[in-house]
Amino acid sequence: MTPLKYLQAYPPGVQDKVRQLIAQQRLGEHLVTRYPDRHDVQSDKALYGYVAALKQQHMKQAPAIDKVLYDSKLDVVQRALGLHTAISRVQGSRLKAKKEIRVASLFKAAAPEFLQMIVVHELAHLKEREHNKAFYQLCQHMLPDYHQREFDLRLYLTWRELPSTHTTHPQE
């Protein structure tokens, strides 16, 4: 049985259905049907604007974000699709924390729904540091179908690693 590293926490029945799609070479087709488009947020500046707009819409009271960028060093191998950091710096007699959000570069070529899911996830970390119940409730508040998108993103990551599809993507 093929191990599905991005879907290990899901029930065996769900994993079996994914294995069937893979065996029938229909996983990519399934993803294209659900997510046919690619977003146009291609630069760090555009990504900053995109994140700022989502933050303004859902989290007006959260701390300001100082920097947002695509990061080519973030990789699914390291299990990081996005990062939120607070870098502390001394400014005069004060300690100031700069909030940053980094999004893995692979999302430049992904469906807009996947980019939105990752950004919502990282924004939720501004209020909730841990992946706890409150964190996922906040994600669902900002994106009601958050859990479905997270699952579909895991399908996309699984599809990307299949030997026959490593050079093409459903959105291309």
Protein backbone atom coordinates (compact mmCIF):
# COMPACT_ATOMS: atom_id res chain seq x y z
CA MET A 1 0.00 0.00 0.00
CA THR A 2 1.36 3.41 -1.01
CA PRO A 3 1.96 5.69 2.00
CA LEU A 4 0.28 9.08 1.64
CA LYS A 5 2.46 11.33 3.78
CA TYR A 6 0.21 14.39 3.54
CA LEU A 7 -2.91 12.39 4.37
CA GLN A 8 -1.72 10.17 7.21
CA ALA A 9 -4.11 11.71 9.76
CA TYR A 10 -7.16 10.93 7.62
CA PRO A 11 -9.25 7.75 7.99
CA PRO A 12 -8.19 4.67 5.99
CA GLY A 13 -11.33 4.88 3.83
CA VAL A 14 -10.41 8.38 2.68
CA GLN A 15 -6.86 7.31 1.97
CA ASP A 16 -8.13 4.33 -0.05
CA LYS A 17 -10.26 6.63 -2.23
CA VAL A 18 -7.19 8.80 -2.89
CA ARG A 19 -5.15 5.71 -3.78
CA GLN A 20 -7.89 4.71 -6.24
CA LEU A 21 -7.71 8.13 -7.91
CA ILE A 22 -3.95 7.79 -8.14
CA ALA A 23 -4.15 4.26 -9.55
CA GLN A 24 -6.66 5.45 -12.17
CA GLN A 25 -4.44 8.49 -12.90
CA ARG A 26 -7.40 10.75 -12.12
CA LEU A 27 -6.11 12.77 -9.15
CA GLY A 28 -4.84 15.61 -11.36
CA GLU A 29 -8.14 15.63 -13.28
CA HIS A 30 -10.05 15.78 -9.99
CA LEU A 31 -8.00 18.78 -8.85
CA VAL A 32 -8.35 20.64 -12.17
CA THR A 33 -12.11 20.15 -12.03
CA ARG A 34 -12.31 21.62 -8.52
CA TYR A 35 -9.61 24.28 -8.95
CA PRO A 36 -9.25 25.25 -12.62
CA ASP A 37 -7.74 28.72 -12.13
CA ARG A 38 -4.39 30.21 -11.18
CA HIS A 39 -4.12 33.39 -9.18
CA ASP A 40 -2.29 36.50 -10.36
CA VAL A 41 -0.57 37.38 -7.05
CA GLN A 42 2.96 36.91 -8.39
CA SER A 43 5.15 39.50 -6.66
CA ASP A 44 5.98 40.07 -3.01
CA LYS A 45 4.34 43.49 -3.25
CA ALA A 46 1.12 41.98 -4.61
CA LEU A 47 1.25 39.28 -1.92
CA TYR A 48 1.62 41.94 0.78
CA GLY A 49 -1.45 43.72 -0.58
CA TYR A 50 -3.39 40.46 -0.73
CA VAL A 51 -2.51 39.56 2.88
CA ALA A 52 -3.22 43.10 4.12
CA ALA A 53 -6.68 43.06 2.50
CA LEU A 54 -7.57 39.72 4.13
CA LYS A 55 -6.26 40.94 7.47
CA GLN A 56 -8.28 44.15 7.19
CA GLN A 57 -11.41 42.21 6.32
CA HIS A 58 -11.19 39.63 9.12
CA MET A 59 -8.66 40.72 11.75
CA LYS A 60 -8.65 44.50 12.10
CA GLN A 61 -7.47 44.33 15.72
CA ALA A 62 -4.54 41.98 15.08
CA PRO A 63 -1.00 43.40 15.11
CA ALA A 64 0.24 45.03 11.92
CA ILE A 65 2.26 42.93 9.49
CA ASP A 66 5.60 44.43 8.57
CA LYS A 67 6.70 42.10 5.80
CA VAL A 68 5.11 39.52 3.50
CA LEU A 69 6.97 37.57 0.85
CA TYR A 70 7.23 34.44 -1.21
CA ASP A 71 10.10 32.33 0.09
CA SER A 72 11.80 29.84 -2.19
CA LYS A 73 13.53 28.25 0.81
CA LEU A 74 10.26 27.09 2.35
CA ASP A 75 9.59 23.63 1.13
CA VAL A 76 7.09 20.93 1.76
CA VAL A 77 9.99 18.61 2.61
CA GLN A 78 10.56 20.76 5.70
CA ARG A 79 6.81 20.65 6.32
CA ALA A 80 6.53 24.41 5.98
CA LEU A 81 4.19 25.93 3.41
CA GLY A 82 4.07 29.23 5.20
CA LEU A 83 5.65 30.82 8.23
CA HIS A 84 4.75 33.59 10.59
CA THR A 85 7.55 35.13 12.60
CA ALA A 86 8.05 37.93 15.05
CA ILE A 87 11.60 39.23 14.87
CA SER A 88 12.57 41.30 17.90
CA ARG A 89 14.86 44.26 17.39
CA VAL A 90 16.11 46.93 19.75
CA GLN A 91 15.17 50.45 18.67
CA GLY A 92 16.61 52.93 21.11
CA SER A 93 15.42 51.89 24.55
CA ARG A 94 12.51 49.84 23.19
CA LEU A 95 12.20 46.29 21.98
CA LYS A 96 10.11 46.13 18.81
CA ALA A 97 8.74 42.94 17.21
CA LYS A 98 8.45 42.91 13.44
CA LYS A 99 5.72 40.55 12.21
CA GLU A 100 6.49 38.64 9.01
CA ILE A 101 4.57 36.16 6.90
CA ARG A 102 6.42 33.99 4.39
CA VAL A 103 4.61 31.85 1.84
CA ALA A 104 6.29 28.98 -0.01
CA SER A 105 7.07 29.90 -3.62
CA LEU A 106 5.20 26.85 -4.90
CA PHE A 107 2.01 28.84 -4.26
CA LYS A 108 2.88 31.26 -7.08
CA ALA A 109 1.62 28.57 -9.48
CA ALA A 110 -1.27 27.28 -7.36
CA ALA A 111 -5.00 27.80 -7.38
CA PRO A 112 -6.20 31.02 -5.69
CA GLU A 113 -8.10 28.92 -3.15
CA PHE A 114 -4.85 27.31 -1.96
CA LEU A 115 -3.07 30.66 -1.61
CA GLN A 116 -6.03 32.01 0.36
CA MET A 117 -6.00 28.96 2.66
CA ILE A 118 -2.29 29.36 3.44
CA VAL A 119 -2.65 33.10 4.06
CA VAL A 120 -5.66 32.56 6.35
CA HIS A 121 -3.65 29.92 8.24
CA GLU A 122 -0.72 32.30 8.77
CA LEU A 123 -2.99 35.22 9.70
CA ALA A 124 -4.68 33.06 12.34
CA HIS A 125 -1.28 32.61 13.94
CA LEU A 126 -1.22 36.35 14.70
CA LYS A 127 -3.83 35.63 17.39
CA GLU A 128 -3.35 31.92 18.13
CA ARG A 129 0.19 30.56 18.15
CA GLU A 130 -0.73 26.89 18.57
CA HIS A 131 -2.81 24.65 16.30
CA ASN A 132 -5.59 24.34 18.84
CA LYS A 133 -9.39 24.49 18.72
CA ALA A 134 -9.43 28.31 18.87
CA PHE A 135 -6.93 28.46 16.00
CA TYR A 136 -9.07 26.31 13.70
CA GLN A 137 -12.23 28.18 14.72
CA LEU A 138 -10.53 31.41 13.67
CA CYS A 139 -9.48 29.84 10.35
CA GLN A 140 -13.08 28.75 9.75
CA HIS A 141 -14.35 32.20 10.68
CA MET A 142 -12.15 33.72 7.95
CA LEU A 143 -12.69 30.87 5.49
CA PRO A 144 -15.79 28.73 6.16
CA ASP A 145 -14.56 25.85 3.97
CA TYR A 146 -11.05 25.95 5.47
CA HIS A 147 -10.94 22.23 6.29
CA GLN A 148 -12.01 21.18 2.78
CA ARG A 149 -9.37 23.44 1.25
CA GLU A 150 -6.73 22.08 3.59
CA PHE A 151 -7.65 18.54 2.53
CA ASP A 152 -7.60 19.49 -1.15
CA LEU A 153 -4.25 21.20 -0.68
CA ARG A 154 -2.94 17.94 0.78
CA LEU A 155 -4.28 16.18 -2.34
CA TYR A 156 -2.47 18.74 -4.50
CA LEU A 157 0.81 18.18 -2.63
CA THR A 158 0.36 14.42 -3.01
CA TRP A 159 -0.31 14.85 -6.75
CA ARG A 160 2.77 17.05 -7.20
CA GLU A 161 4.99 14.27 -5.87
CA LEU A 162 3.65 11.53 -8.13
CA PRO A 163 6.42 10.36 -10.50
CA SER A 164 4.38 10.90 -13.68
CA THR A 165 3.35 14.47 -12.76
CA HIS A 166 6.43 16.04 -11.22
CA THR A 167 6.91 18.55 -14.07
CA THR A 168 3.32 19.61 -14.66
CA HIS A 169 0.67 21.12 -12.43
CA PRO A 170 -3.12 20.98 -12.65
CA GLN A 171 -3.34 24.75 -13.11
CA GLU A 172 -0.95 24.84 -16.08
